[in-house]
Amino acid sequence: MPAYLYASREDHIVPWRTAYRSVHLLGGDVSFVLGASGHIAGVVNPPAKKRRCYYVNELLTEDPEDWLARAQMHPGSWWPHWALWLKNHAGARKPASKRAGSKAYPELGPAPGEYVVEQIA
C-alpha cells in the first residue's frame, strides 16, 4: 500500500523525527515529506500564500538527521507535491456518481445522517 507521510519541522505534538520512523514500519511505496513550521501552520498554508518550504529525499535512511542532511528544500507549499503524488497513485478519473450508494453499499439515508440529529440523554 503506498503511503505519503507528512511531518512538520517545528511540530511540538508529533516531533518530525518520531514521525519519520514510520517510513520503516510501512511496506510498499513510501514517501516522506518534511514541511516547515509547526503542527498546524505547516499543514494549512495553501500554495497561493507562497510561504514556508518543504524537504524531500527519496532515500529513506535509518537516521532522520541523515535523511534531512541529504534532503532537497523546495520553496512554497507541499500541497502541489502531494497532489502530484495522489495523481500518480490514483486510478483513471471518472465522473462522480449522480447518486449515493451502490448495490454493494446501499445508501443508509439522506445526508447529513441520523446521528446528527440524534438526541443524547
PDB file of N, CA and C in Angstrom:
ATOM      1  N   MET A   1       0.843  -1.169   0.000  1.00  0.00           N
ATOM      2  CA  MET A   1       0.000   0.000   0.000  1.00  0.00           C
ATOM      3  C   MET A   1       0.890   1.234   0.000  1.00  0.00           C
ATOM      4  N   PRO A   2       0.725   2.123  -0.936  1.00  0.00           N
ATOM      5  CA  PRO A   2       1.537   3.346  -0.934  1.00  0.00           C
ATOM      6  C   PRO A   2       1.147   4.252   0.228  1.00  0.00           C
ATOM      7  N   ALA A   3       2.119   4.994   0.732  1.00  0.00           N
ATOM      8  CA  ALA A   3       1.872   5.908   1.853  1.00  0.00           C
ATOM      9  C   ALA A   3       2.628   7.210   1.636  1.00  0.00           C
ATOM     10  N   TYR A   4       1.945   8.312   1.890  1.00  0.00           N
ATOM     11  CA  TYR A   4       2.541   9.639   1.836  1.00  0.00           C
ATOM     12  C   TYR A   4       2.562  10.139   3.268  1.00  0.00           C
ATOM     13  N   LEU A   5       3.733  10.247   3.833  1.00  0.00           N
ATOM     14  CA  LEU A   5       3.877  10.675   5.225  1.00  0.00           C
ATOM     15  C   LEU A   5       4.359  12.114   5.267  1.00  0.00           C
ATOM     16  N   TYR A   6       3.622  12.954   5.951  1.00  0.00           N
ATOM     17  CA  TYR A   6       3.985  14.355   6.103  1.00  0.00           C
ATOM     18  C   TYR A   6       4.237  14.636   7.579  1.00  0.00           C
ATOM     19  N   ALA A   7       5.261  15.419   7.849  1.00  0.00           N
ATOM     20  CA  ALA A   7       5.539  15.899   9.203  1.00  0.00           C
ATOM     21  C   ALA A   7       5.958  17.359   9.106  1.00  0.00           C
ATOM     22  N   SER A   8       5.783  18.093  10.193  1.00  0.00           N
ATOM     23  CA  SER A   8       6.187  19.497  10.242  1.00  0.00           C
ATOM     24  C   SER A   8       7.421  19.630  11.123  1.00  0.00           C
ATOM     25  N   ARG A   9       8.377  20.400  10.660  1.00  0.00           N
ATOM     26  CA  ARG A   9       9.687  20.501  11.301  1.00  0.00           C
ATOM     27  C   ARG A   9       9.638  21.003  12.751  1.00  0.00           C
ATOM     28  N   GLU A  10       8.777  21.976  13.042  1.00  0.00           N
ATOM     29  CA  GLU A  10       8.691  22.507  14.400  1.00  0.00           C
ATOM     30  C   GLU A  10       7.460  22.002  15.143  1.00  0.00           C
ATOM     31  N   ASP A  11       6.953  20.863  14.778  1.00  0.00           N
ATOM     32  CA  ASP A  11       5.765  20.307  15.421  1.00  0.00           C
ATOM     33  C   ASP A  11       6.102  19.876  16.847  1.00  0.00           C
ATOM     34  N   HIS A  12       5.393  20.438  17.811  1.00  0.00           N
ATOM     35  CA  HIS A  12       5.634  20.091  19.216  1.00  0.00           C
ATOM     36  C   HIS A  12       4.743  18.937  19.678  1.00  0.00           C
ATOM     37  N   ILE A  13       3.764  18.562  18.878  1.00  0.00           N
ATOM     38  CA  ILE A  13       2.859  17.466  19.243  1.00  0.00           C
ATOM     39  C   ILE A  13       3.358  16.141  18.667  1.00  0.00           C
ATOM     40  N   VAL A  14       3.741  16.156  17.399  1.00  0.00           N
ATOM     41  CA  VAL A  14       4.290  14.967  16.734  1.00  0.00           C
ATOM     42  C   VAL A  14       5.678  15.349  16.217  1.00  0.00           C
ATOM     43  N   PRO A  15       6.713  15.165  17.021  1.00  0.00           N
ATOM     44  CA  PRO A  15       8.062  15.530  16.562  1.00  0.00           C
ATOM     45  C   PRO A  15       8.394  14.821  15.241  1.00  0.00           C
ATOM     46  N   TRP A  16       8.952  15.586  14.313  1.00  0.00           N
ATOM     47  CA  TRP A  16       9.158  15.035  12.973  1.00  0.00           C
ATOM     48  C   TRP A  16      10.071  13.828  12.963  1.00  0.00           C
ATOM     49  N   ARG A  17      11.060  13.792  13.841  1.00  0.00           N
ATOM     50  CA  ARG A  17      11.978  12.639  13.859  1.00  0.00           C
ATOM     51  C   ARG A  17      11.233  11.364  14.258  1.00  0.00           C
ATOM     52  N   THR A  18      10.268  11.516  15.132  1.00  0.00           N
ATOM     53  CA  THR A  18       9.435  10.378  15.539  1.00  0.00           C
ATOM     54  C   THR A  18       8.523   9.967  14.390  1.00  0.00           C
ATOM     55  N   ALA A  19       7.916  10.943  13.723  1.00  0.00           N
ATOM     56  CA  ALA A  19       7.051  10.646  12.576  1.00  0.00           C
ATOM     57  C   ALA A  19       7.852   9.958  11.467  1.00  0.00           C
ATOM     58  N   TYR A  20       9.095  10.396  11.295  1.00  0.00           N
ATOM     59  CA  TYR A  20       9.948   9.814  10.252  1.00  0.00           C
ATOM     60  C   TYR A  20      10.154   8.318  10.459  1.00  0.00           C
ATOM     61  N   ARG A  21      10.202   7.887  11.691  1.00  0.00           N
ATOM     62  CA  ARG A  21      10.421   6.456  11.983  1.00  0.00           C
ATOM     63  C   ARG A  21       9.354   5.575  11.331  1.00  0.00           C
ATOM     64  N   SER A  22       8.188   6.152  11.031  1.00  0.00           N
ATOM     65  CA  SER A  22       7.107   5.389  10.402  1.00  0.00           C
ATOM     66  C   SER A  22       7.478   4.881   9.015  1.00  0.00           C
ATOM     67  N   VAL A  23       8.420   5.534   8.347  1.00  0.00           N
ATOM     68  CA  VAL A  23       8.767   5.091   6.987  1.00  0.00           C
ATOM     69  C   VAL A  23       9.295   3.666   6.984  1.00  0.00           C
ATOM     70  N   HIS A  24       9.863   3.241   8.099  1.00  0.00           N
ATOM     71  CA  HIS A  24      10.423   1.884   8.168  1.00  0.00           C
ATOM     72  C   HIS A  24       9.437   0.879   8.759  1.00  0.00           C
ATOM     73  N   LEU A  25       8.275   1.359   9.173  1.00  0.00           N
ATOM     74  CA  LEU A  25       7.247   0.462   9.705  1.00  0.00           C
ATOM     75  C   LEU A  25       6.257   0.041   8.628  1.00  0.00           C
ATOM     76  N   LEU A  26       6.195   0.825   7.560  1.00  0.00           N
ATOM     77  CA  LEU A  26       5.245   0.554   6.488  1.00  0.00           C
ATOM     78  C   LEU A  26       5.935  -0.146   5.328  1.00  0.00           C
ATOM     79  N   GLY A  27       5.199  -0.972   4.642  1.00  0.00           N
ATOM     80  CA  GLY A  27       5.731  -1.616   3.453  1.00  0.00           C
ATOM     81  C   GLY A  27       5.248  -0.880   2.220  1.00  0.00           C
ATOM     82  N   GLY A  28       5.789  -1.217   1.098  1.00  0.00           N
ATOM     83  CA  GLY A  28       5.330  -0.609  -0.144  1.00  0.00           C
ATOM     84  C   GLY A  28       5.995   0.715  -0.441  1.00  0.00           C
ATOM     85  N   ASP A  29       5.382   1.449  -1.335  1.00  0.00           N
ATOM     86  CA  ASP A  29       5.892   2.732  -1.797  1.00  0.00           C
ATOM     87  C   ASP A  29       5.629   3.797  -0.736  1.00  0.00           C
ATOM     88  N   VAL A  30       6.669   4.263  -0.072  1.00  0.00           N
ATOM     89  CA  VAL A  30       6.535   5.254   0.994  1.00  0.00           C
ATOM     90  C   VAL A  30       7.276   6.529   0.606  1.00  0.00           C
ATOM     91  N   SER A  31       6.595   7.649   0.739  1.00  0.00           N
ATOM     92  CA  SER A  31       7.209   8.962   0.526  1.00  0.00           C
ATOM     93  C   SER A  31       7.113   9.733   1.833  1.00  0.00           C
ATOM     94  N   PHE A  32       8.208  10.395   2.220  1.00  0.00           N
ATOM     95  CA  PHE A  32       8.210  11.221   3.429  1.00  0.00           C
ATOM     96  C   PHE A  32       8.516  12.651   3.022  1.00  0.00           C
ATOM     97  N   VAL A  33       7.697  13.573   3.501  1.00  0.00           N
ATOM     98  CA  VAL A  33       7.868  14.991   3.210  1.00  0.00           C
ATOM     99  C   VAL A  33       7.887  15.737   4.532  1.00  0.00           C
ATOM    100  N   LEU A  34       8.883  16.592   4.691  1.00  0.00           N
ATOM    101  CA  LEU A  34       9.011  17.400   5.902  1.00  0.00           C
ATOM    102  C   LEU A  34       8.703  18.843   5.559  1.00  0.00           C
ATOM    103  N   GLY A  35       7.665  19.372   6.173  1.00  0.00           N
ATOM    104  CA  GLY A  35       7.282  20.756   5.938  1.00  0.00           C
ATOM    105  C   GLY A  35       7.855  21.666   7.002  1.00  0.00           C
ATOM    106  N   ALA A  36       8.012  22.930   6.634  1.00  0.00           N
ATOM    107  CA  ALA A  36       8.467  23.928   7.598  1.00  0.00           C
ATOM    108  C   ALA A  36       7.307  24.305   8.501  1.00  0.00           C
ATOM    109  N   SER A  37       7.627  24.891   9.634  1.00  0.00           N
ATOM    110  CA  SER A  37       6.668  25.427  10.588  1.00  0.00           C
ATOM    111  C   SER A  37       6.185  24.359  11.548  1.00  0.00           C
ATOM    112  N   GLY A  38       5.089  24.680  12.232  1.00  0.00           N
ATOM    113  CA  GLY A  38       4.614  23.826  13.313  1.00  0.00           C
ATOM    114  C   GLY A  38       3.465  22.924  12.934  1.00  0.00           C
ATOM    115  N   HIS A  39       2.821  22.418  13.953  1.00  0.00           N
ATOM    116  CA  HIS A  39       1.791  21.390  13.823  1.00  0.00           C
ATOM    117  C   HIS A  39       0.659  21.790  12.876  1.00  0.00           C
ATOM    118  N   ILE A  40       0.215  23.025  12.927  1.00  0.00           N
ATOM    119  CA  ILE A  40      -0.907  23.444  12.097  1.00  0.00           C
ATOM    120  C   ILE A  40      -0.460  24.314  10.923  1.00  0.00           C
ATOM    121  N   ALA A  41       0.342  25.334  11.192  1.00  0.00           N
ATOM    122  CA  ALA A  41       0.722  26.289  10.139  1.00  0.00           C
ATOM    123  C   ALA A  41       1.399  25.617   8.953  1.00  0.00           C
ATOM    124  N   GLY A  42       2.217  24.618   9.190  1.00  0.00           N
ATOM    125  CA  GLY A  42       2.901  23.942   8.101  1.00  0.00           C
ATOM    126  C   GLY A  42       1.973  23.132   7.229  1.00  0.00           C
ATOM    127  N   VAL A  43       0.834  22.757   7.764  1.00  0.00           N
ATOM    128  CA  VAL A  43      -0.114  21.940   7.013  1.00  0.00           C
ATOM    129  C   VAL A  43      -1.125  22.794   6.263  1.00  0.00           C
ATOM    130  N   VAL A  44      -1.652  23.815   6.912  1.00  0.00           N
ATOM    131  CA  VAL A  44      -2.801  24.518   6.344  1.00  0.00           C
ATOM    132  C   VAL A  44      -2.466  25.671   5.407  1.00  0.00           C
ATOM    133  N   ASN A  45      -1.235  26.111   5.342  1.00  0.00           N
ATOM    134  CA  ASN A  45      -0.907  27.219   4.443  1.00  0.00           C
ATOM    135  C   ASN A  45      -0.996  26.771   2.998  1.00  0.00           C
ATOM    136  N   PRO A  46      -1.954  27.326   2.249  1.00  0.00           N
ATOM    137  CA  PRO A  46      -2.142  26.900   0.859  1.00  0.00           C
ATOM    138  C   PRO A  46      -1.060  27.466  -0.062  1.00  0.00           C
ATOM    139  N   PRO A  47      -0.916  26.871  -1.244  1.00  0.00           N
ATOM    140  CA  PRO A  47       0.113  27.307  -2.189  1.00  0.00           C
ATOM    141  C   PRO A  47       0.035  28.788  -2.551  1.00  0.00           C
ATOM    142  N   ALA A  48      -1.149  29.346  -2.619  1.00  0.00           N
ATOM    143  CA  ALA A  48      -1.298  30.748  -3.020  1.00  0.00           C
ATOM    144  C   ALA A  48      -0.595  31.707  -2.062  1.00  0.00           C
ATOM    145  N   LYS A  49      -0.410  31.305  -0.812  1.00  0.00           N
ATOM    146  CA  LYS A  49       0.242  32.170   0.174  1.00  0.00           C
ATOM    147  C   LYS A  49       1.744  32.304  -0.086  1.00  0.00           C
ATOM    148  N   LYS A  50       2.315  31.347  -0.802  1.00  0.00           N
ATOM    149  CA  LYS A  50       3.754  31.342  -1.119  1.00  0.00           C
ATOM    150  C   LYS A  50       4.618  31.519   0.130  1.00  0.00           C
ATOM    151  N   ARG A  51       4.251  30.814   1.163  1.00  0.00           N
ATOM    152  CA  ARG A  51       5.015  30.812   2.409  1.00  0.00           C
ATOM    153  C   ARG A  51       5.597  29.422   2.623  1.00  0.00           C
ATOM    154  N   ARG A  52       6.465  29.353   3.585  1.00  0.00           N
ATOM    155  CA  ARG A  52       7.045  28.089   4.043  1.00  0.00           C
ATOM    156  C   ARG A  52       7.893  27.434   2.964  1.00  0.00           C
ATOM    157  N   CYS A  53       8.256  26.202   3.257  1.00  0.00           N
ATOM    158  CA  CYS A  53       9.008  25.367   2.330  1.00  0.00           C
ATOM    159  C   CYS A  53       8.831  23.933   2.783  1.00  0.00           C
ATOM    160  N   TYR A  54       9.347  23.000   2.006  1.00  0.00           N
ATOM    161  CA  TYR A  54       9.286  21.593   2.403  1.00  0.00           C
ATOM    162  C   TYR A  54      10.534  20.880   1.890  1.00  0.00           C
ATOM    163  N   TYR A  55      10.812  19.731   2.481  1.00  0.00           N
ATOM    164  CA  TYR A  55      12.009  18.954   2.169  1.00  0.00           C
ATOM    165  C   TYR A  55      11.594  17.576   1.670  1.00  0.00           C
ATOM    166  N   VAL A  56      12.311  17.107   0.647  1.00  0.00           N
ATOM    167  CA  VAL A  56      12.045  15.800   0.059  1.00  0.00           C
ATOM    168  C   VAL A  56      13.365  15.085  -0.158  1.00  0.00           C
ATOM    169  N   ASN A  57      13.369  13.797   0.103  1.00  0.00           N
ATOM    170  CA  ASN A  57      14.529  12.950  -0.149  1.00  0.00           C
ATOM    171  C   ASN A  57      13.994  11.537  -0.357  1.00  0.00           C
ATOM    172  N   GLU A  58      14.157  10.994  -1.529  1.00  0.00           N
ATOM    173  CA  GLU A  58      13.648   9.654  -1.822  1.00  0.00           C
ATOM    174  C   GLU A  58      14.428   8.562  -1.099  1.00  0.00           C
ATOM    175  N   LEU A  59      15.660   8.862  -0.694  1.00  0.00           N
ATOM    176  CA  LEU A  59      16.472   7.889   0.032  1.00  0.00           C
ATOM    177  C   LEU A  59      16.054   7.920   1.500  1.00  0.00           C
ATOM    178  N   LEU A  60      15.306   6.929   1.919  1.00  0.00           N
ATOM    179  CA  LEU A  60      14.787   6.868   3.286  1.00  0.00           C
ATOM    180  C   LEU A  60      15.794   6.149   4.183  1.00  0.00           C
ATOM    181  N   THR A  61      16.746   6.909   4.685  1.00  0.00           N
ATOM    182  CA  THR A  61      17.805   6.356   5.525  1.00  0.00           C
ATOM    183  C   THR A  61      17.262   5.989   6.896  1.00  0.00           C
ATOM    184  N   GLU A  62      18.034   5.249   7.665  1.00  0.00           N
ATOM    185  CA  GLU A  62      17.618   4.880   9.026  1.00  0.00           C
ATOM    186  C   GLU A  62      17.584   6.095   9.948  1.00  0.00           C
ATOM    187  N   ASP A  63      18.523   6.999   9.763  1.00  0.00           N
ATOM    188  CA  ASP A  63      18.672   8.153  10.644  1.00  0.00           C
ATOM    189  C   ASP A  63      17.942   9.372  10.078  1.00  0.00           C
ATOM    190  N   PRO A  64      16.989   9.939  10.833  1.00  0.00           N
ATOM    191  CA  PRO A  64      16.271  11.102  10.319  1.00  0.00           C
ATOM    192  C   PRO A  64      17.172  12.307  10.039  1.00  0.00           C
ATOM    193  N   GLU A  65      18.208  12.498  10.849  1.00  0.00           N
ATOM    194  CA  GLU A  65      19.128  13.621  10.610  1.00  0.00           C
ATOM    195  C   GLU A  65      19.890  13.433   9.307  1.00  0.00           C
ATOM    196  N   ASP A  66      20.257  12.196   9.017  1.00  0.00           N
ATOM    197  CA  ASP A  66      20.922  11.895   7.740  1.00  0.00           C
ATOM    198  C   ASP A  66      19.964  12.151   6.580  1.00  0.00           C
ATOM    199  N   TRP A  67      18.713  11.743   6.741  1.00  0.00           N
ATOM    200  CA  TRP A  67      17.710  11.993   5.710  1.00  0.00           C
ATOM    201  C   TRP A  67      17.605  13.498   5.431  1.00  0.00           C
ATOM    202  N   LEU A  68      17.519  14.309   6.496  1.00  0.00           N
ATOM    203  CA  LEU A  68      17.372  15.757   6.328  1.00  0.00           C
ATOM    204  C   LEU A  68      18.614  16.376   5.695  1.00  0.00           C
ATOM    205  N   ALA A  69      19.790  15.917   6.092  1.00  0.00           N
ATOM    206  CA  ALA A  69      21.034  16.463   5.532  1.00  0.00           C
ATOM    207  C   ALA A  69      21.103  16.247   4.018  1.00  0.00           C
ATOM    208  N   ARG A  70      20.506  15.173   3.537  1.00  0.00           N
ATOM    209  CA  ARG A  70      20.520  14.854   2.107  1.00  0.00           C
ATOM    210  C   ARG A  70      19.274  15.371   1.370  1.00  0.00           C
ATOM    211  N   ALA A  71      18.314  15.872   2.107  1.00  0.00           N
ATOM    212  CA  ALA A  71      17.044  16.291   1.516  1.00  0.00           C
ATOM    213  C   ALA A  71      17.196  17.581   0.712  1.00  0.00           C
ATOM    214  N   GLN A  72      16.334  17.733  -0.250  1.00  0.00           N
ATOM    215  CA  GLN A  72      16.303  18.926  -1.086  1.00  0.00           C
ATOM    216  C   GLN A  72      15.162  19.824  -0.598  1.00  0.00           C
ATOM    217  N   MET A  73      15.482  21.096  -0.362  1.00  0.00           N
ATOM    218  CA  MET A  73      14.488  22.058   0.094  1.00  0.00           C
ATOM    219  C   MET A  73      13.782  22.652  -1.121  1.00  0.00           C
ATOM    220  N   HIS A  74      12.459  22.730  -1.033  1.00  0.00           N
ATOM    221  CA  HIS A  74      11.636  23.317  -2.087  1.00  0.00           C
ATOM    222  C   HIS A  74      10.846  24.475  -1.491  1.00  0.00           C
ATOM    223  N   PRO A  75      10.940  25.670  -2.073  1.00  0.00           N
ATOM    224  CA  PRO A  75      10.164  26.794  -1.541  1.00  0.00           C
ATOM    225  C   PRO A  75       8.670  26.609  -1.816  1.00  0.00           C
ATOM    226  N   GLY A  76       7.858  27.137  -0.925  1.00  0.00           N
ATOM    227  CA  GLY A  76       6.410  27.088  -1.108  1.00  0.00           C
ATOM    228  C   GLY A  76       5.757  25.927  -0.388  1.00  0.00           C
ATOM    229  N   SER A  77       4.493  25.755  -0.671  1.00  0.00           N
ATOM    230  CA  SER A  77       3.665  24.736  -0.031  1.00  0.00           C
ATOM    231  C   SER A  77       3.988  23.340  -0.550  1.00  0.00           C
ATOM    232  N   TRP A  78       3.813  22.348   0.299  1.00  0.00           N
ATOM    233  CA  TRP A  78       3.988  20.958  -0.072  1.00  0.00           C
ATOM    234  C   TRP A  78       2.750  20.416  -0.797  1.00  0.00           C
ATOM    235  N   TRP A  79       1.672  21.162  -0.809  1.00  0.00           N
ATOM    236  CA  TRP A  79       0.427  20.688  -1.422  1.00  0.00           C
ATOM    237  C   TRP A  79       0.583  20.263  -2.877  1.00  0.00           C
ATOM    238  N   PRO A  80       1.259  21.038  -3.748  1.00  0.00           N
ATOM    239  CA  PRO A  80       1.411  20.566  -5.134  1.00  0.00           C
ATOM    240  C   PRO A  80       2.174  19.244  -5.225  1.00  0.00           C
ATOM    241  N   HIS A  81       3.147  19.044  -4.343  1.00  0.00           N
ATOM    242  CA  HIS A  81       3.884  17.774  -4.311  1.00  0.00           C
ATOM    243  C   HIS A  81       2.942  16.632  -3.974  1.00  0.00           C
ATOM    244  N   TRP A  82       2.082  16.861  -2.986  1.00  0.00           N
ATOM    245  CA  TRP A  82       1.097  15.853  -2.578  1.00  0.00           C
ATOM    246  C   TRP A  82       0.097  15.589  -3.699  1.00  0.00           C
ATOM    247  N   ALA A  83      -0.363  16.656  -4.362  1.00  0.00           N
ATOM    248  CA  ALA A  83      -1.322  16.500  -5.458  1.00  0.00           C
ATOM    249  C   ALA A  83      -0.731  15.634  -6.571  1.00  0.00           C
ATOM    250  N   LEU A  84       0.536  15.846  -6.890  1.00  0.00           N
ATOM    251  CA  LEU A  84       1.194  15.030  -7.913  1.00  0.00           C
ATOM    252  C   LEU A  84       1.312  13.582  -7.447  1.00  0.00           C
ATOM    253  N   TRP A  85       1.649  13.389  -6.172  1.00  0.00           N
ATOM    254  CA  TRP A  85       1.737  12.036  -5.612  1.00  0.00           C
ATOM    255  C   TRP A  85       0.380  11.347  -5.727  1.00  0.00           C
ATOM    256  N   LEU A  86      -0.684  12.067  -5.360  1.00  0.00           N
ATOM    257  CA  LEU A  86      -2.033  11.489  -5.457  1.00  0.00           C
ATOM    258  C   LEU A  86      -2.370  11.121  -6.894  1.00  0.00           C
ATOM    259  N   LYS A  87      -2.055  12.015  -7.821  1.00  0.00           N
ATOM    260  CA  LYS A  87      -2.339  11.762  -9.232  1.00  0.00           C
ATOM    261  C   LYS A  87      -1.613  10.514  -9.718  1.00  0.00           C
ATOM    262  N   ASN A  88      -0.362  10.354  -9.301  1.00  0.00           N
ATOM    263  CA  ASN A  88       0.435   9.205  -9.727  1.00  0.00           C
ATOM    264  C   ASN A  88      -0.014   7.896  -9.087  1.00  0.00           C
ATOM    265  N   HIS A  89      -0.771   7.973  -8.001  1.00  0.00           N
ATOM    266  CA  HIS A  89      -1.223   6.765  -7.311  1.00  0.00           C
ATOM    267  C   HIS A  89      -2.726   6.514  -7.473  1.00  0.00           C
ATOM    268  N   ALA A  90      -3.380   7.366  -8.214  1.00  0.00           N
ATOM    269  CA  ALA A  90      -4.826   7.223  -8.400  1.00  0.00           C
ATOM    270  C   ALA A  90      -5.122   6.431  -9.665  1.00  0.00           C
ATOM    271  N   GLY A  91      -6.316   5.959  -9.743  1.00  0.00           N
ATOM    272  CA  GLY A  91      -6.765   5.288 -10.963  1.00  0.00           C
ATOM    273  C   GLY A  91      -7.210   6.331 -11.974  1.00  0.00           C
ATOM    274  N   ALA A  92      -7.824   5.856 -13.006  1.00  0.00           N
ATOM    275  CA  ALA A  92      -8.327   6.750 -14.047  1.00  0.00           C
ATOM    276  C   ALA A  92      -9.427   7.642 -13.479  1.00  0.00           C
ATOM    277  N   ARG A  93      -9.452   8.891 -13.926  1.00  0.00           N
ATOM    278  CA  ARG A  93     -10.504   9.815 -13.485  1.00  0.00           C
ATOM    279  C   ARG A  93     -11.822   9.410 -14.130  1.00  0.00           C
ATOM    280  N   LYS A  94     -12.892   9.559 -13.353  1.00  0.00           N
ATOM    281  CA  LYS A  94     -14.226   9.281 -13.886  1.00  0.00           C
ATOM    282  C   LYS A  94     -15.208  10.229 -13.214  1.00  0.00           C
ATOM    283  N   PRO A  95     -16.319  10.498 -13.843  1.00  0.00           N
ATOM    284  CA  PRO A  95     -17.282  11.433 -13.265  1.00  0.00           C
ATOM    285  C   PRO A  95     -17.841  10.891 -11.953  1.00  0.00           C
ATOM    286  N   ALA A  96     -18.172  11.801 -11.068  1.00  0.00           N
ATOM    287  CA  ALA A  96     -18.767  11.414  -9.786  1.00  0.00           C
ATOM    288  C   ALA A  96     -20.147  10.810 -10.043  1.00  0.00           C
ATOM    289  N   SER A  97     -20.520   9.874  -9.207  1.00  0.00           N
ATOM    290  CA  SER A  97     -21.830   9.252  -9.306  1.00  0.00           C
ATOM    291  C   SER A  97     -22.915  10.292  -9.052  1.00  0.00           C
ATOM    292  N   LYS A  98     -24.016  10.141  -9.724  1.00  0.00           N
ATOM    293  CA  LYS A  98     -25.132  11.074  -9.557  1.00  0.00           C
ATOM    294  C   LYS A  98     -25.933  10.762  -8.286  1.00  0.00           C
ATOM    295  N   ARG A  99     -25.745   9.571  -7.733  1.00  0.00           N
ATOM    296  CA  ARG A  99     -26.470   9.208  -6.516  1.00  0.00           C
ATOM    297  C   ARG A  99     -25.549   8.466  -5.551  1.00  0.00           C
ATOM    298  N   ALA A 100     -25.896   8.548  -4.284  1.00  0.00           N
ATOM    299  CA  ALA A 100     -25.088   7.905  -3.237  1.00  0.00           C
ATOM    300  C   ALA A 100     -25.350   6.405  -3.215  1.00  0.00           C
ATOM    301  N   GLY A 101     -24.353   5.663  -2.753  1.00  0.00           N
ATOM    302  CA  GLY A 101     -24.512   4.230  -2.588  1.00  0.00           C
ATOM    303  C   GLY A 101     -24.343   3.446  -3.875  1.00  0.00           C
ATOM    304  N   SER A 102     -24.417   2.127  -3.720  1.00  0.00           N
ATOM    305  CA  SER A 102     -24.318   1.200  -4.841  1.00  0.00           C
ATOM    306  C   SER A 102     -25.039  -0.078  -4.441  1.00  0.00           C
ATOM    307  N   LYS A 103     -25.059  -1.065  -5.320  1.00  0.00           N
ATOM    308  CA  LYS A 103     -25.680  -2.346  -4.949  1.00  0.00           C
ATOM    309  C   LYS A 103     -24.941  -2.977  -3.778  1.00  0.00           C
ATOM    310  N   ALA A 104     -23.600  -2.890  -3.821  1.00  0.00           N
ATOM    311  CA  ALA A 104     -22.794  -3.493  -2.748  1.00  0.00           C
ATOM    312  C   ALA A 104     -22.876  -2.692  -1.450  1.00  0.00           C
ATOM    313  N   TYR A 105     -23.011  -1.367  -1.565  1.00  0.00           N
ATOM    314  CA  TYR A 105     -23.046  -0.490  -0.406  1.00  0.00           C
ATOM    315  C   TYR A 105     -24.220   0.488  -0.537  1.00  0.00           C
ATOM    316  N   PRO A 106     -25.425   0.033  -0.189  1.00  0.00           N
ATOM    317  CA  PRO A 106     -26.594   0.898  -0.368  1.00  0.00           C
ATOM    318  C   PRO A 106     -26.548   2.120   0.552  1.00  0.00           C
ATOM    319  N   GLU A 107     -27.203   3.173   0.098  1.00  0.00           N
ATOM    320  CA  GLU A 107     -27.296   4.410   0.873  1.00  0.00           C
ATOM    321  C   GLU A 107     -28.043   4.120   2.176  1.00  0.00           C
ATOM    322  N   LEU A 108     -27.540   4.631   3.274  1.00  0.00           N
ATOM    323  CA  LEU A 108     -28.164   4.396   4.573  1.00  0.00           C
ATOM    324  C   LEU A 108     -29.318   5.357   4.835  1.00  0.00           C
ATOM    325  N   GLY A 109     -29.266   6.513   4.243  1.00  0.00           N
ATOM    326  CA  GLY A 109     -30.308   7.511   4.436  1.00  0.00           C
ATOM    327  C   GLY A 109     -29.833   8.839   3.908  1.00  0.00           C
ATOM    328  N   PRO A 110     -30.712   9.847   3.925  1.00  0.00           N
ATOM    329  CA  PRO A 110     -30.315  11.150   3.398  1.00  0.00           C
ATOM    330  C   PRO A 110     -29.286  11.835   4.294  1.00  0.00           C
ATOM    331  N   ALA A 111     -28.469  12.681   3.674  1.00  0.00           N
ATOM    332  CA  ALA A 111     -27.476  13.452   4.419  1.00  0.00           C
ATOM    333  C   ALA A 111     -28.205  14.470   5.287  1.00  0.00           C
ATOM    334  N   PRO A 112     -27.710  14.848   6.413  1.00  0.00           N
ATOM    335  CA  PRO A 112     -26.375  14.570   6.916  1.00  0.00           C
ATOM    336  C   PRO A 112     -26.279  13.278   7.716  1.00  0.00           C
ATOM    337  N   GLY A 113     -27.352  12.541   7.881  1.00  0.00           N
ATOM    338  CA  GLY A 113     -27.331  11.293   8.630  1.00  0.00           C
ATOM    339  C   GLY A 113     -28.087  11.431   9.942  1.00  0.00           C
ATOM    340  N   GLU A 114     -28.651  10.335  10.389  1.00  0.00           N
ATOM    341  CA  GLU A 114     -29.467  10.346  11.612  1.00  0.00           C
ATOM    342  C   GLU A 114     -28.661  10.715  12.852  1.00  0.00           C
ATOM    343  N   TYR A 115     -27.391  10.353  12.887  1.00  0.00           N
ATOM    344  CA  TYR A 115     -26.595  10.616  14.076  1.00  0.00           C
ATOM    345  C   TYR A 115     -26.477  12.113  14.365  1.00  0.00           C
ATOM    346  N   VAL A 116     -26.633  12.958  13.346  1.00  0.00           N
ATOM    347  CA  VAL A 116     -26.504  14.395  13.514  1.00  0.00           C
ATOM    348  C   VAL A 116     -27.652  14.957  14.342  1.00  0.00           C
ATOM    349  N   VAL A 117     -28.811  14.417  14.165  1.00  0.00           N
ATOM    350  CA  VAL A 117     -29.994  14.932  14.877  1.00  0.00           C
ATOM    351  C   VAL A 117     -30.377  14.062  16.075  1.00  0.00           C
ATOM    352  N   GLU A 118     -29.632  13.005  16.318  1.00  0.00           N
ATOM    353  CA  GLU A 118     -29.938  12.112  17.443  1.00  0.00           C
ATOM    354  C   GLU A 118     -29.698  12.843  18.764  1.00  0.00           C
ATOM    355  N   GLN A 119     -30.648  12.742  19.671  1.00  0.00           N
ATOM    356  CA  GLN A 119     -30.541  13.379  20.983  1.00  0.00           C
ATOM    357  C   GLN A 119     -29.776  12.465  21.933  1.00  0.00           C
ATOM    358  N   ILE A 120     -28.860  13.048  22.670  1.00  0.00           N
ATOM    359  CA  ILE A 120     -28.105  12.299  23.674  1.00  0.00           C
ATOM    360  C   ILE A 120     -28.678  12.635  25.037  1.00  0.00           C
ATOM    361  N   ALA A 121     -28.983  11.614  25.805  1.00  0.00           N
ATOM    362  CA  ALA A 121     -29.618  11.841  27.131  1.00  0.00           C
ATOM    363  C   ALA A 121     -28.665  12.439  28.124  1.00  0.00           C
TER     364      ALA A 121
END
